[in-house]
C-alpha atoms as a PDB file:
ATOM      1  CA  MET A   1      97.156-101.776 145.941  1.00  0.00           C
ATOM      2  CA  PRO A   2      94.797-104.383 144.384  1.00  0.00           C
ATOM      3  CA  ASP A   3      95.729-108.043 144.263  1.00  0.00           C
ATOM      4  CA  GLN A   4      97.949-109.287 141.447  1.00  0.00           C
ATOM      5  CA  ILE A   5      98.274-112.835 140.200  1.00  0.00           C
ATOM      6  CA  CYS A   6     101.273-114.915 141.312  1.00  0.00           C
ATOM      7  CA  VAL A   7     102.243-117.792 139.003  1.00  0.00           C
ATOM      8  CA  TYR A   8     103.842-120.834 140.516  1.00  0.00           C
ATOM      9  CA  ALA A   9     103.966-123.330 137.655  1.00  0.00           C
ATOM     10  CA  VAL A  10     102.579-124.311 134.315  1.00  0.00           C
ATOM     11  CA  VAL A  11     100.930-127.741 134.037  1.00  0.00           C
ATOM     12  CA  PRO A  12      98.719-129.622 131.517  1.00  0.00           C
ATOM     13  CA  SER A  13      95.085-128.591 131.664  1.00  0.00           C
ATOM     14  CA  ALA A  14      94.262-132.316 132.204  1.00  0.00           C
ATOM     15  CA  THR A  15      96.095-132.293 135.572  1.00  0.00           C
ATOM     16  CA  ASP A  16      94.072-133.359 138.633  1.00  0.00           C
ATOM     17  CA  ASN A  17      92.611-129.907 139.276  1.00  0.00           C
ATOM     18  CA  ARG A  18      90.899-130.743 142.538  1.00  0.00           C
ATOM     19  CA  ARG A  19      94.044-131.974 144.195  1.00  0.00           C
ATOM     20  CA  LEU A  20      96.068-129.003 143.041  1.00  0.00           C
ATOM     21  CA  THR A  21      93.567-126.351 144.059  1.00  0.00           C
ATOM     22  CA  SER A  22      92.986-128.024 147.437  1.00  0.00           C
ATOM     23  CA  GLU A  23      96.429-126.605 148.457  1.00  0.00           C
ATOM     24  CA  THR A  24      97.165-123.016 149.414  1.00  0.00           C
ATOM     25  CA  GLY A  25      99.804-120.689 148.211  1.00  0.00           C
ATOM     26  CA  ILE A  26     101.721-117.714 149.616  1.00  0.00           C
ATOM     27  CA  ASP A  27     100.086-116.144 152.765  1.00  0.00           C
ATOM     28  CA  GLY A  28      97.557-118.972 152.665  1.00  0.00           C
ATOM     29  CA  CYS A  29      95.866-117.679 149.539  1.00  0.00           C
ATOM     30  CA  PRO A  30      93.726-120.183 147.529  1.00  0.00           C
ATOM     31  CA  LEU A  31      95.177-121.715 144.431  1.00  0.00           C
ATOM     32  CA  GLU A  32      93.446-121.578 141.049  1.00  0.00           C
ATOM     33  CA  LEU A  33      94.170-122.864 137.503  1.00  0.00           C
ATOM     34  CA  VAL A  34      94.062-120.391 134.608  1.00  0.00           C
ATOM     35  CA  GLU A  35      93.465-122.727 131.623  1.00  0.00           C
ATOM     36  CA  CYS A  36      94.236-122.019 127.962  1.00  0.00           C
ATOM     37  CA  GLY A  37      93.869-124.951 125.638  1.00  0.00           C
ATOM     38  CA  PRO A  38      96.094-127.838 126.694  1.00  0.00           C
ATOM     39  CA  LEU A  39      98.045-125.776 129.265  1.00  0.00           C
ATOM     40  CA  ALA A  40      97.135-124.184 132.591  1.00  0.00           C
ATOM     41  CA  ALA A  41      98.950-121.877 134.998  1.00  0.00           C
ATOM     42  CA  LEU A  42      98.803-122.573 138.697  1.00  0.00           C
ATOM     43  CA  VAL A  43      98.200-119.143 140.415  1.00  0.00           C
ATOM     44  CA  SER A  44      96.983-117.420 143.497  1.00  0.00           C
ATOM     45  CA  PRO A  45      96.061-113.772 144.156  1.00  0.00           C
ATOM     46  CA  VAL A  46      98.743-111.873 146.189  1.00  0.00           C
ATOM     47  CA  GLN A  47      99.190-108.318 147.368  1.00  0.00           C
ATOM     48  CA  SER A  48     102.331-107.378 145.499  1.00  0.00           C
ATOM     49  CA  GLU A  49     103.578-104.854 148.082  1.00  0.00           C
ATOM     50  CA  ARG A  50     103.688-107.774 150.587  1.00  0.00           C
ATOM     51  CA  LEU A  51     105.411-110.248 148.262  1.00  0.00           C
ATOM     52  CA  ARG A  52     108.952-110.477 149.621  1.00  0.00           C
ATOM     53  CA  PRO A  53     111.354-113.403 149.470  1.00  0.00           C
ATOM     54  CA  THR A  54     110.848-114.327 153.043  1.00  0.00           C
ATOM     55  CA  ARG A  55     111.483-117.911 154.146  1.00  0.00           C
ATOM     56  CA  ALA A  56     107.677-118.540 154.533  1.00  0.00           C
ATOM     57  CA  ALA A  57     106.907-117.181 151.130  1.00  0.00           C
ATOM     58  CA  LEU A  58     109.750-119.137 149.443  1.00  0.00           C
ATOM     59  CA  THR A  59     108.792-122.312 151.266  1.00  0.00           C
ATOM     60  CA  ALA A  60     105.123-121.894 150.218  1.00  0.00           C
ATOM     61  CA  HIS A  61     106.167-121.336 146.583  1.00  0.00           C
ATOM     62  CA  GLU A  62     108.444-124.374 146.557  1.00  0.00           C
ATOM     63  CA  GLN A  63     105.750-126.555 148.260  1.00  0.00           C
ATOM     64  CA  VAL A  64     103.140-125.659 145.648  1.00  0.00           C
ATOM     65  CA  THR A  65     105.559-126.510 142.769  1.00  0.00           C
ATOM     66  CA  ALA A  66     106.645-129.748 144.493  1.00  0.00           C
ATOM     67  CA  THR A  67     102.977-130.889 144.848  1.00  0.00           C
ATOM     68  CA  ALA A  68     102.312-130.031 141.202  1.00  0.00           C
ATOM     69  CA  HIS A  69     105.394-132.067 140.188  1.00  0.00           C
ATOM     70  CA  GLN A  70     104.173-135.049 142.155  1.00  0.00           C
ATOM     71  CA  ILE A  71     100.829-134.996 140.392  1.00  0.00           C
ATOM     72  CA  GLY A  72     102.227-134.639 136.757  1.00  0.00           C
ATOM     73  CA  PRO A  73     104.443-132.687 134.412  1.00  0.00           C
ATOM     74  CA  CYS A  74     105.242-129.317 135.858  1.00  0.00           C
ATOM     75  CA  ILE A  75     107.171-126.287 134.655  1.00  0.00           C
ATOM     76  CA  PRO A  76     108.196-124.332 137.791  1.00  0.00           C
ATOM     77  CA  VAL A  77     108.050-120.546 137.476  1.00  0.00           C
ATOM     78  CA  ARG A  78     110.466-118.370 139.388  1.00  0.00           C
ATOM     79  CA  PHE A  79     109.378-116.818 142.689  1.00  0.00           C
ATOM     80  CA  GLY A  80     107.824-113.363 142.351  1.00  0.00           C
ATOM     81  CA  THR A  81     106.461-113.741 138.854  1.00  0.00           C
ATOM     82  CA  LEU A  82     103.380-111.496 138.824  1.00  0.00           C
ATOM     83  CA  PHE A  83     100.685-110.636 136.308  1.00  0.00           C
ATOM     84  CA  PRO A  84      98.016-107.887 136.768  1.00  0.00           C
ATOM     85  CA  ASP A  85      95.103-110.290 136.135  1.00  0.00           C
ATOM     86  CA  ARG A  86      94.105-113.720 134.833  1.00  0.00           C
ATOM     87  CA  GLN A  87      93.613-112.421 131.296  1.00  0.00           C
ATOM     88  CA  SER A  88      97.254-111.407 131.121  1.00  0.00           C
ATOM     89  CA  VAL A  89      98.391-114.806 132.360  1.00  0.00           C
ATOM     90  CA  GLU A  90      96.452-116.388 129.544  1.00  0.00           C
ATOM     91  CA  ARG A  91      97.590-113.896 126.948  1.00  0.00           C
ATOM     92  CA  ASP A  92     101.213-113.157 127.859  1.00  0.00           C
ATOM     93  CA  LEU A  93     102.251-116.473 129.317  1.00  0.00           C
ATOM     94  CA  LEU A  94     100.101-119.463 128.044  1.00  0.00           C
ATOM     95  CA  THR A  95      99.353-118.161 124.621  1.00  0.00           C
ATOM     96  CA  ALA A  96     102.607-116.092 123.920  1.00  0.00           C
ATOM     97  CA  GLN A  97     104.840-118.963 124.885  1.00  0.00           C
ATOM     98  CA  ARG A  98     102.587-121.831 123.804  1.00  0.00           C
ATOM     99  CA  SER A  99     105.210-123.615 121.560  1.00  0.00           C
ATOM    100  CA  HIS A 100     107.990-123.281 124.137  1.00  0.00           C
ATOM    101  CA  LEU A 101     105.777-124.458 126.978  1.00  0.00           C
ATOM    102  CA  ASP A 102     104.562-127.455 125.008  1.00  0.00           C
ATOM    103  CA  SER A 103     108.115-128.524 124.351  1.00  0.00           C
ATOM    104  CA  LEU A 104     109.159-128.125 127.982  1.00  0.00           C
ATOM    105  CA  ILE A 105     106.056-130.145 129.201  1.00  0.00           C
ATOM    106  CA  HIS A 106     107.043-132.887 126.894  1.00  0.00           C
ATOM    107  CA  GLU A 107     110.723-132.774 127.983  1.00  0.00           C
ATOM    108  CA  VAL A 108     110.028-133.031 131.721  1.00  0.00           C
ATOM    109  CA  GLU A 109     107.171-135.539 131.622  1.00  0.00           C
ATOM    110  CA  ASN A 110     107.942-138.486 133.979  1.00  0.00           C
ATOM    111  CA  ARG A 111     111.326-136.914 134.807  1.00  0.00           C
ATOM    112  CA  ASP A 112     112.754-135.503 137.998  1.00  0.00           C
ATOM    113  CA  GLU A 113     115.608-133.169 138.852  1.00  0.00           C
ATOM    114  CA  TYR A 114     118.385-134.184 141.208  1.00  0.00           C
ATOM    115  CA  ARG A 115     121.172-131.982 142.523  1.00  0.00           C
ATOM    116  CA  LEU A 116     124.568-133.495 143.162  1.00  0.00           C
ATOM    117  CA  ARG A 117     127.278-131.597 145.121  1.00  0.00           C
ATOM    118  CA  ALA A 118     130.774-133.041 145.595  1.00  0.00           C
ATOM    119  CA  ARG A 119     133.001-131.383 148.194  1.00  0.00           C
ATOM    120  CA  TYR A 120     136.679-131.847 148.766  1.00  0.00           C
ATOM    121  CA  LEU A 121     137.640-132.991 152.288  1.00  0.00           C
ATOM    122  CA  ALA A 122     139.966-130.742 154.262  1.00  0.00           C
ATOM    123  CA  ASN A 123     143.277-129.916 152.444  1.00  0.00           C
ATOM    124  CA  VAL A 124     142.735-132.509 149.790  1.00  0.00           C
ATOM    125  CA  ALA A 125     142.472-130.229 146.820  1.00  0.00           C
ATOM    126  CA  LEU A 126     145.501-128.067 147.745  1.00  0.00           C
ATOM    127  CA  THR A 127     147.565-131.106 148.476  1.00  0.00           C
ATOM    128  CA  GLU A 128     146.703-132.518 145.053  1.00  0.00           C
ATOM    129  CA  VAL A 129     147.493-129.309 143.254  1.00  0.00           C
ATOM    130  CA  VAL A 130     150.914-129.060 144.926  1.00  0.00           C
ATOM    131  CA  ALA A 131     151.699-132.727 144.273  1.00  0.00           C
ATOM    132  CA  ARG A 132     150.980-132.490 140.527  1.00  0.00           C
ATOM    133  CA  SER A 133     152.731-129.186 139.822  1.00  0.00           C
ATOM    134  CA  ARG A 134     156.529-128.895 139.959  1.00  0.00           C
ATOM    135  CA  GLU A 135     156.222-125.156 139.356  1.00  0.00           C
ATOM    136  CA  VAL A 136     153.991-124.767 142.436  1.00  0.00           C
ATOM    137  CA  GLN A 137     156.479-126.868 144.450  1.00  0.00           C
ATOM    138  CA  ARG A 138     159.367-124.652 143.276  1.00  0.00           C
ATOM    139  CA  PHE A 139     157.635-121.431 144.274  1.00  0.00           C
ATOM    140  CA  ARG A 140     156.662-122.864 147.619  1.00  0.00           C
ATOM    141  CA  ARG A 141     160.294-123.875 148.347  1.00  0.00           C
ATOM    142  CA  LYS A 142     161.385-120.391 147.372  1.00  0.00           C
ATOM    143  CA  LEU A 143     158.829-118.764 149.676  1.00  0.00           C
ATOM    144  CA  ASN A 144     159.523-121.088 152.527  1.00  0.00           C
ATOM    145  CA  GLY A 145     163.255-120.284 152.376  1.00  0.00           C
ATOM    146  CA  GLY A 146     162.689-116.699 153.588  1.00  0.00           C
ATOM    147  CA  PRO A 147     161.346-113.405 152.441  1.00  0.00           C
ATOM    148  CA  ALA A 148     160.297-113.349 148.798  1.00  0.00           C
ATOM    149  CA  PRO A 149     159.213-110.650 146.382  1.00  0.00           C
ATOM    150  CA  GLN A 150     155.508-109.909 146.356  1.00  0.00           C
ATOM    151  CA  ALA A 151     155.474-110.725 142.645  1.00  0.00           C
ATOM    152  CA  ALA A 152     156.482-114.270 143.482  1.00  0.00           C
ATOM    153  CA  GLN A 153     153.736-114.609 146.045  1.00  0.00           C
ATOM    154  CA  ILE A 154     151.183-113.345 143.501  1.00  0.00           C
ATOM    155  CA  GLN A 155     152.462-115.754 140.892  1.00  0.00           C
ATOM    156  CA  LEU A 156     152.232-118.704 143.263  1.00  0.00           C
ATOM    157  CA  GLY A 157     148.698-117.724 144.125  1.00  0.00           C
ATOM    158  CA  GLU A 158     147.746-117.540 140.470  1.00  0.00           C
ATOM    159  CA  LEU A 159     149.283-120.980 139.886  1.00  0.00           C
ATOM    160  CA  VAL A 160     147.363-122.516 142.735  1.00  0.00           C
ATOM    161  CA  VAL A 161     144.111-120.994 141.606  1.00  0.00           C
ATOM    162  CA  ALA A 162     144.614-122.221 138.027  1.00  0.00           C
ATOM    163  CA  GLY A 163     145.538-125.708 139.446  1.00  0.00           C
ATOM    164  CA  LEU A 164     142.347-125.772 141.551  1.00  0.00           C
ATOM    165  CA  GLU A 165     140.173-124.837 138.641  1.00  0.00           C
ATOM    166  CA  ALA A 166     141.837-127.556 136.429  1.00  0.00           C
ATOM    167  CA  LEU A 167     141.331-130.142 139.258  1.00  0.00           C
ATOM    168  CA  ARG A 168     137.583-129.096 139.570  1.00  0.00           C
ATOM    169  CA  ASP A 169     137.151-129.454 135.803  1.00  0.00           C
ATOM    170  CA  GLU A 170     138.724-132.979 135.866  1.00  0.00           C
ATOM    171  CA  ASP A 171     136.549-134.047 138.758  1.00  0.00           C
ATOM    172  CA  ALA A 172     133.438-132.631 137.156  1.00  0.00           C
ATOM    173  CA  GLU A 173     134.076-134.527 134.028  1.00  0.00           C
ATOM    174  CA  ALA A 174     134.813-137.724 135.942  1.00  0.00           C
ATOM    175  CA  VAL A 175     131.558-137.397 137.971  1.00  0.00           C
ATOM    176  CA  MET A 176     129.529-136.721 134.853  1.00  0.00           C
ATOM    177  CA  ASN A 177     130.978-139.671 132.998  1.00  0.00           C
ATOM    178  CA  HIS A 178     130.215-141.983 135.967  1.00  0.00           C
ATOM    179  CA  ILE A 179     126.500-140.929 136.249  1.00  0.00           C
ATOM    180  CA  SER A 180     125.767-140.135 132.543  1.00  0.00           C
ATOM    181  CA  PRO A 181     124.118-143.498 131.782  1.00  0.00           C
ATOM    182  CA  TYR A 182     121.417-142.645 134.356  1.00  0.00           C
ATOM    183  CA  MET A 183     120.537-139.134 133.340  1.00  0.00           C
ATOM    184  CA  VAL A 184     118.815-137.339 130.361  1.00  0.00           C
ATOM    185  CA  ALA A 185     120.680-134.099 130.825  1.00  0.00           C
ATOM    186  CA  GLY A 186     123.098-132.470 133.217  1.00  0.00           C
ATOM    187  CA  ARG A 187     124.597-129.009 133.867  1.00  0.00           C
ATOM    188  CA  ARG A 188     126.976-127.489 136.238  1.00  0.00           C
ATOM    189  CA  LEU A 189     125.636-124.975 138.766  1.00  0.00           C
ATOM    190  CA  PRO A 190     127.492-121.962 140.146  1.00  0.00           C
ATOM    191  CA  ASP A 191     128.909-122.551 143.542  1.00  0.00           C
ATOM    192  CA  ARG A 192     131.218-120.144 145.350  1.00  0.00           C
ATOM    193  CA  ALA A 193     132.169-122.476 148.207  1.00  0.00           C
ATOM    194  CA  GLU A 194     135.943-123.047 148.170  1.00  0.00           C
ATOM    195  CA  ASP A 195     135.562-126.765 148.958  1.00  0.00           C
ATOM    196  CA  THR A 196     133.117-127.489 146.171  1.00  0.00           C
ATOM    197  CA  ALA A 197     134.500-129.791 143.448  1.00  0.00           C
ATOM    198  CA  VAL A 198     131.329-129.725 141.406  1.00  0.00           C
ATOM    199  CA  HIS A 199     127.684-128.856 141.767  1.00  0.00           C
ATOM    200  CA  LEU A 200     125.351-130.388 139.237  1.00  0.00           C
ATOM    201  CA  ALA A 201     121.676-130.351 138.211  1.00  0.00           C
ATOM    202  CA  LEU A 202     120.539-133.637 136.699  1.00  0.00           C
ATOM    203  CA  LEU A 203     117.392-134.440 134.757  1.00  0.00           C
ATOM    204  CA  VAL A 204     116.530-138.040 135.257  1.00  0.00           C
ATOM    205  CA  ASP A 205     113.868-140.436 133.974  1.00  0.00           C
ATOM    206  CA  ARG A 206     111.708-141.389 137.003  1.00  0.00           C
ATOM    207  CA  THR A 207     112.412-145.060 136.331  1.00  0.00           C
ATOM    208  CA  ARG A 208     116.160-144.425 136.707  1.00  0.00           C
ATOM    209  CA  GLY A 209     116.144-142.537 139.963  1.00  0.00           C
ATOM    210  CA  GLN A 210     117.217-145.579 142.036  1.00  0.00           C
ATOM    211  CA  ASP A 211     119.876-146.428 139.521  1.00  0.00           C
ATOM    212  CA  LEU A 212     121.295-142.971 139.876  1.00  0.00           C
ATOM    213  CA  GLU A 213     121.252-143.159 143.612  1.00  0.00           C
ATOM    214  CA  ARG A 214     123.198-146.439 143.564  1.00  0.00           C
ATOM    215  CA  ALA A 215     125.721-145.034 141.085  1.00  0.00           C
ATOM    216  CA  VAL A 216     126.278-142.035 143.366  1.00  0.00           C
ATOM    217  CA  GLU A 217     126.788-144.358 146.326  1.00  0.00           C
ATOM    218  CA  GLN A 218     129.345-146.304 144.347  1.00  0.00           C
ATOM    219  CA  LEU A 219     131.110-143.078 143.413  1.00  0.00           C
ATOM    220  CA  GLY A 220     131.133-141.907 147.010  1.00  0.00           C
ATOM    221  CA  GLY A 221     132.648-145.177 148.059  1.00  0.00           C
ATOM    222  CA  ALA A 222     135.409-144.914 145.416  1.00  0.00           C
ATOM    223  CA  GLN A 223     136.172-141.280 146.447  1.00  0.00           C
ATOM    224  CA  ARG A 224     136.049-141.885 150.315  1.00  0.00           C
ATOM    225  CA  GLY A 225     138.733-139.858 151.940  1.00  0.00           C
ATOM    226  CA  ARG A 226     138.777-137.451 149.087  1.00  0.00           C
ATOM    227  CA  LEU A 227     135.313-136.266 148.183  1.00  0.00           C
ATOM    228  CA  HIS A 228     132.050-136.018 150.144  1.00  0.00           C
ATOM    229  CA  ILE A 229     129.097-136.423 147.742  1.00  0.00           C
ATOM    230  CA  ASP A 230     125.474-135.366 148.473  1.00  0.00           C
ATOM    231  CA  LEU A 231     122.583-136.183 146.219  1.00  0.00           C
ATOM    232  CA  VAL A 232     119.265-134.255 146.716  1.00  0.00           C
ATOM    233  CA  GLY A 233     116.055-135.297 144.971  1.00  0.00           C
ATOM    234  CA  PRO A 234     113.750-135.965 143.360  1.00  0.00           C
ATOM    235  CA  LEU A 235     112.795-132.342 142.766  1.00  0.00           C
ATOM    236  CA  ALA A 236     110.725-130.335 140.364  1.00  0.00           C
ATOM    237  CA  PRO A 237     112.827-129.586 137.212  1.00  0.00           C
ATOM    238  CA  TRP A 238     113.737-125.953 138.183  1.00  0.00           C
ATOM    239  CA  ASP A 239     117.093-125.929 136.319  1.00  0.00           C
ATOM    240  CA  PHE A 240     115.737-127.291 133.021  1.00  0.00           C
ATOM    241  CA  THR A 241     112.650-125.179 132.487  1.00  0.00           C
ATOM    242  CA  LEU A 242     113.769-121.577 132.252  1.00  0.00           C
ATOM    243  CA  LEU A 243     110.982-119.203 131.349  1.00  0.00           C
ATOM    244  CA  GLU A 244     111.309-115.585 130.177  1.00  0.00           C
ATOM    245  CA  THR A 245     107.852-114.399 131.266  1.00  0.00           C
ATOM    246  CA  GLY A 246     108.405-110.709 130.931  1.00  0.00           C
ATOM    247  CA  ALA A 247     106.188-110.328 134.031  1.00  0.00           C
ATOM    248  CA  ALA A 248     106.842-108.115 137.036  1.00  0.00           C
END
């Protein structure tokens, strides 16, 4: 099968082309810029039948976008976005989505993404849910007193789940309120881990990154013994630049 074109990111045409294209992409393929007016797509040729989400391929894709983000405004494109040739990149991406891309480039200029994840320490969440709900306490006493109908066990489980969700919502709001002065935008990310209180993506002006880090340190100190808070970044703005490319 002939090579296709893998797109890593969209950047301004005025970006430092030499530095960008001195890197390599997936499978060590050379990077190129497909330019169209003020915008350019950072691409490389790939053999599509070999493009799989392996660790090496995903790492290469992320490294290319990270480098582009360090150089200037960057709209990351999801892994595996392929076009049949350079002309279709120009026509179906850079031209077809010109207005949307222009808006995104402006939105992320001089901004970084951070990801914040707060996790409950062992038994903290359940202990708090029980302490704040008399109904949960009543069901637990009933079940601890001996055999109980299955319906009561199910009802207790539903009460605990609802209590945990309410607790997470409250903690998410408290975390967002604490860090909101230091971010441009924020959104909750899906997270299936049972100990997760909240997982957030934050868009932050580059000049406020250290302020955000200090605010998170303060929050971690205030929540010591209850929550463990991790902050990762700065990153390319993956969660604030969704593109519907229509590509393979």
